[in-house]
C-alpha atoms as a PDB file:
ATOM      1  CA  MET A   1     -45.218  10.625  93.924  1.00  0.00           C
ATOM      2  CA  SER A   2     -45.699   8.552  96.783  1.00  0.00           C
ATOM      3  CA  HIS A   3     -44.330   5.952  98.971  1.00  0.00           C
ATOM      4  CA  ASP A   4     -47.401   3.875  99.048  1.00  0.00           C
ATOM      5  CA  GLY A   5     -46.815   2.218  95.483  1.00  0.00           C
ATOM      6  CA  VAL A   6     -49.046   4.907  94.127  1.00  0.00           C
ATOM      7  CA  TRP A   7     -47.352   6.855  91.213  1.00  0.00           C
ATOM      8  CA  GLU A   8     -49.424  10.136  89.685  1.00  0.00           C
ATOM      9  CA  ILE A   9     -47.677  10.559  86.242  1.00  0.00           C
ATOM     10  CA  GLY A  10     -49.641  13.091  84.050  1.00  0.00           C
ATOM     11  CA  GLY A  11     -53.105  12.252  85.690  1.00  0.00           C
ATOM     12  CA  LYS A  12     -52.607   8.748  85.244  1.00  0.00           C
ATOM     13  CA  MET A  13     -52.575   6.386  88.247  1.00  0.00           C
ATOM     14  CA  GLU A  14     -50.402   3.302  87.795  1.00  0.00           C
ATOM     15  CA  VAL A  15     -49.902   0.626  90.422  1.00  0.00           C
ATOM     16  CA  GLU A  16     -46.669  -0.782  91.019  1.00  0.00           C
ATOM     17  CA  ARG A  17     -45.455  -3.995  92.824  1.00  0.00           C
ATOM     18  CA  TRP A  18     -45.263  -3.753  96.520  1.00  0.00           C
ATOM     19  CA  GLY A  19     -42.538  -5.014  98.354  1.00  0.00           C
ATOM     20  CA  ASP A  20     -43.546  -8.822  98.625  1.00  0.00           C
ATOM     21  CA  GLY A  21     -44.500  -8.814  95.036  1.00  0.00           C
ATOM     22  CA  ARG A  22     -48.217  -8.780  94.908  1.00  0.00           C
ATOM     23  CA  ARG A  23     -50.399  -6.317  93.082  1.00  0.00           C
ATOM     24  CA  ILE A  24     -53.316  -4.002  94.595  1.00  0.00           C
ATOM     25  CA  ALA A  25     -56.690  -4.194  92.701  1.00  0.00           C
ATOM     26  CA  ALA A  26     -56.894  -0.579  91.286  1.00  0.00           C
ATOM     27  CA  ASP A  27     -60.292  -0.441  93.084  1.00  0.00           C
ATOM     28  CA  ARG A  28     -58.743  -1.245  96.324  1.00  0.00           C
ATOM     29  CA  LEU A  29     -56.090   1.184  95.671  1.00  0.00           C
ATOM     30  CA  ARG A  30     -58.743   3.937  95.009  1.00  0.00           C
ATOM     31  CA  GLN A  31     -60.591   3.244  98.171  1.00  0.00           C
ATOM     32  CA  LEU A  32     -57.009   3.440 100.203  1.00  0.00           C
ATOM     33  CA  VAL A  33     -56.153   6.857  98.668  1.00  0.00           C
ATOM     34  CA  ASP A  34     -60.071   7.854  99.249  1.00  0.00           C
ATOM     35  CA  ILE A  35     -59.717   7.094 103.067  1.00  0.00           C
ATOM     36  CA  ARG A  36     -55.915   8.555 103.253  1.00  0.00           C
ATOM     37  CA  CYS A  37     -57.213  11.896 101.347  1.00  0.00           C
ATOM     38  CA  GLY A  38     -60.272  12.066 103.816  1.00  0.00           C
ATOM     39  CA  CYS A  39     -58.189  11.537 107.081  1.00  0.00           C
ATOM     40  CA  ARG A  40     -55.873  14.075 106.010  1.00  0.00           C
ATOM     41  CA  THR A  41     -58.214  16.504 104.645  1.00  0.00           C
ATOM     42  CA  LEU A  42     -60.117  16.037 108.577  1.00  0.00           C
ATOM     43  CA  ALA A  43     -56.871  16.331 110.390  1.00  0.00           C
ATOM     44  CA  ALA A  44     -55.929  19.820 108.352  1.00  0.00           C
ATOM     45  CA  GLU A  45     -59.162  21.293 108.614  1.00  0.00           C
ATOM     46  CA  THR A  46     -59.803  20.239 112.429  1.00  0.00           C
ATOM     47  CA  SER A  47     -56.537  21.416 113.548  1.00  0.00           C
ATOM     48  CA  THR A  48     -57.119  24.832 111.645  1.00  0.00           C
ATOM     49  CA  TYR A  49     -60.563  25.228 113.568  1.00  0.00           C
ATOM     50  CA  ALA A  50     -59.091  24.108 116.680  1.00  0.00           C
ATOM     51  CA  SER A  51     -56.440  26.774 116.461  1.00  0.00           C
ATOM     52  CA  ILE A  52     -58.906  29.491 115.682  1.00  0.00           C
ATOM     53  CA  LEU A  53     -61.005  28.704 118.243  1.00  0.00           C
ATOM     54  CA  THR A  54     -58.444  28.167 121.026  1.00  0.00           C
ATOM     55  CA  ILE A  55     -57.161  31.756 120.481  1.00  0.00           C
ATOM     56  CA  THR A  56     -60.514  33.052 120.679  1.00  0.00           C
ATOM     57  CA  ALA A  57     -61.336  31.226 123.946  1.00  0.00           C
ATOM     58  CA  PHE A  58     -58.312  32.379 125.629  1.00  0.00           C
ATOM     59  CA  THR A  59     -58.902  35.949 124.494  1.00  0.00           C
ATOM     60  CA  VAL A  60     -62.546  35.975 125.705  1.00  0.00           C
ATOM     61  CA  GLU A  61     -60.947  34.357 129.282  1.00  0.00           C
ATOM     62  CA  ARG A  62     -58.243  37.102 129.277  1.00  0.00           C
ATOM     63  CA  TYR A  63     -60.900  39.843 128.679  1.00  0.00           C
ATOM     64  CA  VAL A  64     -63.196  38.511 131.337  1.00  0.00           C
ATOM     65  CA  ALA A  65     -60.222  38.583 133.604  1.00  0.00           C
ATOM     66  CA  ILE A  66     -59.237  41.989 132.991  1.00  0.00           C
ATOM     67  CA  CYS A  67     -62.483  43.671 132.474  1.00  0.00           C
ATOM     68  CA  HIS A  68     -64.424  41.952 135.139  1.00  0.00           C
ATOM     69  CA  PRO A  69     -61.825  40.499 137.861  1.00  0.00           C
ATOM     70  CA  VAL A  70     -64.441  39.706 140.644  1.00  0.00           C
ATOM     71  CA  LYS A  71     -66.352  37.669 138.422  1.00  0.00           C
ATOM     72  CA  SER A  72     -63.423  35.714 136.917  1.00  0.00           C
ATOM     73  CA  ARG A  73     -62.406  35.218 140.536  1.00  0.00           C
ATOM     74  CA  LEU A  74     -65.582  33.577 141.575  1.00  0.00           C
ATOM     75  CA  HIS A  75     -65.412  31.020 139.169  1.00  0.00           C
ATOM     76  CA  ALA A  76     -61.629  30.022 140.121  1.00  0.00           C
ATOM     77  CA  PHE A  77     -61.806  28.772 143.360  1.00  0.00           C
ATOM     78  CA  SER A  78     -58.586  26.598 143.184  1.00  0.00           C
ATOM     79  CA  ALA A  79     -55.595  26.057 140.740  1.00  0.00           C
ATOM     80  CA  ALA A  80     -56.961  22.726 140.384  1.00  0.00           C
ATOM     81  CA  GLY A  81     -60.211  23.530 139.492  1.00  0.00           C
ATOM     82  CA  LEU A  82     -58.903  26.224 136.964  1.00  0.00           C
ATOM     83  CA  LEU A  83     -56.605  23.735 135.513  1.00  0.00           C
ATOM     84  CA  HIS A  84     -59.561  21.278 135.030  1.00  0.00           C
ATOM     85  CA  ARG A  85     -61.726  23.930 133.444  1.00  0.00           C
ATOM     86  CA  ALA A  86     -59.223  24.616 130.934  1.00  0.00           C
ATOM     87  CA  VAL A  87     -58.449  20.902 129.998  1.00  0.00           C
ATOM     88  CA  ARG A  88     -62.399  20.517 129.517  1.00  0.00           C
ATOM     89  CA  LEU A  89     -62.535  23.559 127.504  1.00  0.00           C
ATOM     90  CA  VAL A  90     -59.429  22.424 125.205  1.00  0.00           C
ATOM     91  CA  LEU A  91     -61.390  18.667 124.712  1.00  0.00           C
ATOM     92  CA  VAL A  92     -64.429  20.883 123.898  1.00  0.00           C
ATOM     93  CA  ILE A  93     -62.877  23.016 121.434  1.00  0.00           C
ATOM     94  CA  TRP A  94     -61.252  19.982 119.442  1.00  0.00           C
ATOM     95  CA  VAL A  95     -64.648  18.256 119.519  1.00  0.00           C
ATOM     96  CA  VAL A  96     -66.560  21.404 118.328  1.00  0.00           C
ATOM     97  CA  ALA A  97     -63.210  21.618 115.518  1.00  0.00           C
ATOM     98  CA  GLY A  98     -63.941  18.051 114.458  1.00  0.00           C
ATOM     99  CA  VAL A  99     -67.653  18.562 114.087  1.00  0.00           C
ATOM    100  CA  CYS A 100     -67.351  21.444 112.128  1.00  0.00           C
ATOM    101  CA  SER A 101     -64.916  20.134 109.879  1.00  0.00           C
ATOM    102  CA  LEU A 102     -66.603  17.242 108.884  1.00  0.00           C
ATOM    103  CA  PRO A 103     -68.730  18.880 106.075  1.00  0.00           C
ATOM    104  CA  ILE A 104     -65.539  20.005 104.129  1.00  0.00           C
ATOM    105  CA  VAL A 105     -64.524  16.247 104.252  1.00  0.00           C
ATOM    106  CA  VAL A 106     -67.745  15.195 103.084  1.00  0.00           C
ATOM    107  CA  GLN A 107     -67.851  18.070 100.227  1.00  0.00           C
ATOM    108  CA  TYR A 108     -64.434  17.569  98.828  1.00  0.00           C
ATOM    109  CA  GLY A 109     -62.740  14.430  97.673  1.00  0.00           C
ATOM    110  CA  VAL A 110     -60.720  12.582  94.978  1.00  0.00           C
ATOM    111  CA  VAL A 111     -61.691  13.227  91.346  1.00  0.00           C
ATOM    112  CA  TYR A 112     -60.197  10.543  89.018  1.00  0.00           C
ATOM    113  CA  VAL A 113     -59.493  12.101  85.651  1.00  0.00           C
ATOM    114  CA  GLN A 114     -59.320   9.566  82.547  1.00  0.00           C
ATOM    115  CA  VAL A 115     -56.658  10.786  80.377  1.00  0.00           C
END
């Protein structure tokens, strides 16, 4: 059951009247459902990939700091530079995660079954 006026009952989609009494065409409603499903899938996949990539990136950073302390000190001249590098790294991670999740969104979609 959804609060958008779409009810899924036994695989059959029924359109209800919205608050102001107008009806939405079934084709337009299906487009909205497809877009909403795609956005939800994109958000879920992107956050999953970003989480994995963030843990991996900071694990590699800790490895370099522990095993190669001189090399890690050369890259961090100041605290502000280190913070700027971390922010850039997180932004790059989210962009890479978003790009990597696009094939999942394209591959999967809503399948309507006629009952």
